[in-house]
Amino acid sequence: MWSYYRHPIEGSVTPRLPQGWQAKPGPQAFKVEPGKFQRFVFAVAIPADAPDGVHEVGGQTSYRGATVPEIHPQRVRVTR
């Protein structure tokens, strides 16, 4: 997460996953100083019954009462 503001930003970041997928840890608090970067890593468990195909995974932030999904989610291909 980058802060392009001239003031620190605080909120939380949460994985955005397909239904039934689980991530650990859960939501993480952030505080990023102006012009700085903070990275978050989550482990994702894909259910055994997840359908084959391409699934979008990403994140979302909560900041000043608003929830904002990231603009460019990643794609994961599940094949069995």
N, C-alpha and C. Protein backbone atom coordinates (compact mmCIF):
# COMPACT_ATOMS: atom_id res chain seq x y z
N MET A 1 0.84 -1.15 0.00
CA MET A 1 0.00 0.00 0.00
C MET A 1 0.90 1.23 0.00
N TRP A 2 0.64 2.14 -0.91
CA TRP A 2 1.37 3.41 -1.01
C TRP A 2 0.52 4.54 -0.46
N SER A 3 1.15 5.50 0.18
CA SER A 3 0.45 6.72 0.59
C SER A 3 0.93 7.85 -0.31
N TYR A 4 0.00 8.38 -1.08
CA TYR A 4 0.31 9.51 -1.96
C TYR A 4 -0.15 10.83 -1.34
N TYR A 5 -0.62 10.75 -0.10
CA TYR A 5 -1.10 11.94 0.59
C TYR A 5 0.05 12.68 1.27
N ARG A 6 -0.23 13.86 1.74
CA ARG A 6 0.76 14.65 2.49
C ARG A 6 0.61 14.45 3.98
N HIS A 7 -0.26 13.53 4.37
CA HIS A 7 -0.48 13.22 5.78
C HIS A 7 -0.52 11.70 5.93
N PRO A 8 -0.29 11.19 7.13
CA PRO A 8 -0.38 9.74 7.33
C PRO A 8 -1.80 9.26 7.06
N ILE A 9 -1.93 8.05 6.58
CA ILE A 9 -3.24 7.43 6.40
C ILE A 9 -3.33 6.19 7.28
N GLU A 10 -4.51 5.96 7.87
CA GLU A 10 -4.74 4.83 8.75
C GLU A 10 -6.04 4.15 8.37
N GLY A 11 -6.07 2.85 8.51
CA GLY A 11 -7.29 2.09 8.23
C GLY A 11 -6.99 0.62 8.38
N SER A 12 -7.64 -0.19 7.56
CA SER A 12 -7.37 -1.63 7.58
C SER A 12 -7.41 -2.17 6.15
N VAL A 13 -6.70 -3.26 5.96
CA VAL A 13 -6.67 -3.94 4.67
C VAL A 13 -7.14 -5.38 4.88
N THR A 14 -7.96 -5.84 3.95
CA THR A 14 -8.57 -7.17 4.03
C THR A 14 -8.47 -7.85 2.68
N PRO A 15 -8.18 -9.16 2.64
CA PRO A 15 -8.21 -9.86 1.37
C PRO A 15 -9.63 -9.86 0.79
N ARG A 16 -9.70 -9.83 -0.52
CA ARG A 16 -10.98 -9.93 -1.23
C ARG A 16 -10.90 -11.22 -2.03
N LEU A 17 -11.70 -12.21 -1.63
CA LEU A 17 -11.57 -13.57 -2.16
C LEU A 17 -12.91 -14.10 -2.65
N PRO A 18 -12.87 -15.14 -3.49
CA PRO A 18 -14.11 -15.80 -3.89
C PRO A 18 -14.81 -16.41 -2.67
N GLN A 19 -16.11 -16.61 -2.80
CA GLN A 19 -16.93 -17.21 -1.74
C GLN A 19 -16.32 -18.53 -1.26
N GLY A 20 -16.17 -18.68 0.06
CA GLY A 20 -15.68 -19.92 0.64
C GLY A 20 -14.18 -20.00 0.82
N TRP A 21 -13.43 -19.11 0.17
CA TRP A 21 -11.98 -19.10 0.35
C TRP A 21 -11.67 -18.38 1.67
N GLN A 22 -10.59 -18.81 2.32
CA GLN A 22 -10.22 -18.24 3.62
C GLN A 22 -8.82 -17.67 3.57
N ALA A 23 -8.60 -16.58 4.30
CA ALA A 23 -7.26 -15.97 4.38
C ALA A 23 -6.86 -15.81 5.84
N LYS A 24 -5.58 -15.97 6.09
CA LYS A 24 -5.01 -15.72 7.41
C LYS A 24 -3.78 -14.86 7.23
N PRO A 25 -3.52 -13.93 8.05
CA PRO A 25 -4.40 -13.50 9.12
C PRO A 25 -5.60 -12.77 8.56
N GLY A 26 -6.49 -12.33 9.44
CA GLY A 26 -7.67 -11.57 9.04
C GLY A 26 -7.29 -10.14 8.72
N PRO A 27 -8.24 -9.22 8.81
CA PRO A 27 -7.96 -7.81 8.50
C PRO A 27 -6.76 -7.29 9.29
N GLN A 28 -5.94 -6.48 8.63
CA GLN A 28 -4.74 -5.93 9.25
C GLN A 28 -4.83 -4.40 9.26
N ALA A 29 -4.51 -3.82 10.40
CA ALA A 29 -4.48 -2.36 10.51
C ALA A 29 -3.26 -1.82 9.79
N PHE A 30 -3.39 -0.63 9.24
CA PHE A 30 -2.22 0.02 8.63
C PHE A 30 -2.15 1.48 9.05
N LYS A 31 -0.94 2.00 9.03
CA LYS A 31 -0.67 3.42 9.18
C LYS A 31 0.53 3.68 8.30
N VAL A 32 0.32 4.42 7.22
CA VAL A 32 1.38 4.67 6.25
C VAL A 32 1.68 6.16 6.22
N GLU A 33 2.94 6.48 6.40
CA GLU A 33 3.39 7.87 6.37
C GLU A 33 3.39 8.41 4.94
N PRO A 34 3.35 9.72 4.77
CA PRO A 34 3.34 10.30 3.42
C PRO A 34 4.51 9.80 2.56
N GLY A 35 4.19 9.39 1.33
CA GLY A 35 5.22 8.95 0.40
C GLY A 35 5.83 7.61 0.71
N LYS A 36 5.28 6.89 1.68
CA LYS A 36 5.85 5.60 2.09
C LYS A 36 4.99 4.44 1.60
N PHE A 37 5.52 3.22 1.82
CA PHE A 37 4.91 1.98 1.34
C PHE A 37 4.84 0.99 2.49
N GLN A 38 3.76 0.22 2.55
CA GLN A 38 3.64 -0.87 3.52
C GLN A 38 3.09 -2.09 2.80
N ARG A 39 3.69 -3.25 3.03
CA ARG A 39 3.29 -4.48 2.35
C ARG A 39 2.55 -5.39 3.34
N PHE A 40 1.57 -6.11 2.82
CA PHE A 40 0.81 -7.08 3.60
C PHE A 40 0.83 -8.42 2.87
N VAL A 41 0.98 -9.49 3.64
CA VAL A 41 1.00 -10.84 3.06
C VAL A 41 -0.05 -11.67 3.79
N PHE A 42 -0.88 -12.36 3.01
CA PHE A 42 -1.91 -13.23 3.55
C PHE A 42 -1.75 -14.62 2.94
N ALA A 43 -1.98 -15.65 3.74
CA ALA A 43 -2.01 -17.02 3.23
C ALA A 43 -3.45 -17.35 2.90
N VAL A 44 -3.69 -17.86 1.69
CA VAL A 44 -5.05 -18.14 1.23
C VAL A 44 -5.26 -19.64 1.11
N ALA A 45 -6.34 -20.14 1.74
CA ALA A 45 -6.73 -21.54 1.63
C ALA A 45 -7.84 -21.65 0.60
N ILE A 46 -7.58 -22.43 -0.45
CA ILE A 46 -8.57 -22.65 -1.50
C ILE A 46 -9.33 -23.93 -1.15
N PRO A 47 -10.66 -23.86 -1.07
CA PRO A 47 -11.43 -25.06 -0.71
C PRO A 47 -11.23 -26.19 -1.72
N ALA A 48 -11.28 -27.41 -1.23
CA ALA A 48 -11.11 -28.57 -2.10
C ALA A 48 -12.18 -28.64 -3.19
N ASP A 49 -13.35 -28.07 -2.93
CA ASP A 49 -14.43 -28.12 -3.91
C ASP A 49 -14.52 -26.85 -4.77
N ALA A 50 -13.46 -26.04 -4.75
CA ALA A 50 -13.45 -24.83 -5.60
C ALA A 50 -13.53 -25.25 -7.06
N PRO A 51 -14.39 -24.62 -7.84
CA PRO A 51 -14.51 -25.02 -9.24
C PRO A 51 -13.26 -24.67 -10.03
N ASP A 52 -12.96 -25.48 -11.04
CA ASP A 52 -11.86 -25.15 -11.95
C ASP A 52 -12.16 -23.82 -12.62
N GLY A 53 -11.12 -23.13 -13.00
CA GLY A 53 -11.29 -21.88 -13.71
C GLY A 53 -10.42 -20.78 -13.13
N VAL A 54 -10.63 -19.59 -13.62
CA VAL A 54 -9.86 -18.43 -13.18
C VAL A 54 -10.69 -17.65 -12.17
N HIS A 55 -10.08 -17.34 -11.04
CA HIS A 55 -10.75 -16.64 -9.95
C HIS A 55 -9.97 -15.36 -9.63
N GLU A 56 -10.69 -14.29 -9.35
CA GLU A 56 -10.04 -13.03 -8.96
C GLU A 56 -9.81 -13.02 -7.46
N VAL A 57 -8.61 -12.62 -7.07
CA VAL A 57 -8.27 -12.41 -5.67
C VAL A 57 -7.61 -11.05 -5.57
N GLY A 58 -7.81 -10.40 -4.46
CA GLY A 58 -7.22 -9.09 -4.29
C GLY A 58 -7.39 -8.62 -2.86
N GLY A 59 -7.49 -7.34 -2.72
CA GLY A 59 -7.64 -6.77 -1.39
C GLY A 59 -8.58 -5.59 -1.43
N GLN A 60 -8.91 -5.12 -0.24
CA GLN A 60 -9.69 -3.91 -0.12
C GLN A 60 -9.25 -3.20 1.13
N THR A 61 -9.37 -1.90 1.13
CA THR A 61 -9.00 -1.11 2.29
C THR A 61 -10.23 -0.43 2.86
N SER A 62 -10.18 -0.20 4.14
CA SER A 62 -11.17 0.63 4.82
C SER A 62 -10.43 1.85 5.31
N TYR A 63 -10.88 3.02 4.89
CA TYR A 63 -10.20 4.27 5.21
C TYR A 63 -11.25 5.36 5.36
N ARG A 64 -11.26 6.00 6.51
CA ARG A 64 -12.20 7.08 6.80
C ARG A 64 -13.65 6.67 6.56
N GLY A 65 -13.98 5.44 6.96
CA GLY A 65 -15.35 4.97 6.86
C GLY A 65 -15.78 4.43 5.51
N ALA A 66 -14.90 4.46 4.53
CA ALA A 66 -15.23 3.95 3.20
C ALA A 66 -14.43 2.69 2.93
N THR A 67 -15.05 1.73 2.24
CA THR A 67 -14.35 0.51 1.82
C THR A 67 -14.07 0.63 0.33
N VAL A 68 -12.80 0.44 -0.03
CA VAL A 68 -12.37 0.62 -1.41
C VAL A 68 -11.68 -0.65 -1.90
N PRO A 69 -12.25 -1.35 -2.92
CA PRO A 69 -11.55 -2.51 -3.48
C PRO A 69 -10.37 -2.04 -4.32
N GLU A 70 -9.31 -2.84 -4.33
CA GLU A 70 -8.17 -2.47 -5.16
C GLU A 70 -8.58 -2.47 -6.62
N ILE A 71 -7.88 -1.70 -7.41
CA ILE A 71 -8.23 -1.52 -8.81
C ILE A 71 -7.83 -2.71 -9.67
N HIS A 72 -6.68 -3.33 -9.36
CA HIS A 72 -6.15 -4.40 -10.22
C HIS A 72 -6.00 -5.71 -9.43
N PRO A 73 -7.09 -6.48 -9.30
CA PRO A 73 -6.94 -7.76 -8.60
C PRO A 73 -6.10 -8.73 -9.43
N GLN A 74 -5.58 -9.73 -8.77
CA GLN A 74 -4.81 -10.78 -9.43
C GLN A 74 -5.77 -11.91 -9.82
N ARG A 75 -5.31 -12.78 -10.68
CA ARG A 75 -6.12 -13.91 -11.11
C ARG A 75 -5.39 -15.20 -10.77
N VAL A 76 -6.15 -16.17 -10.26
CA VAL A 76 -5.61 -17.47 -9.89
C VAL A 76 -6.36 -18.53 -10.68
N ARG A 77 -5.62 -19.41 -11.34
CA ARG A 77 -6.25 -20.49 -12.10
C ARG A 77 -6.26 -21.74 -11.23
N VAL A 78 -7.43 -22.32 -11.05
CA VAL A 78 -7.58 -23.56 -10.31
C VAL A 78 -7.85 -24.67 -11.32
N THR A 79 -7.01 -25.71 -11.28
CA THR A 79 -7.21 -26.88 -12.14
C THR A 79 -6.98 -28.12 -11.30
N ARG A 80 -7.72 -29.12 -11.59
CA ARG A 80 -7.56 -30.38 -10.85
C ARG A 80 -7.35 -31.52 -11.82
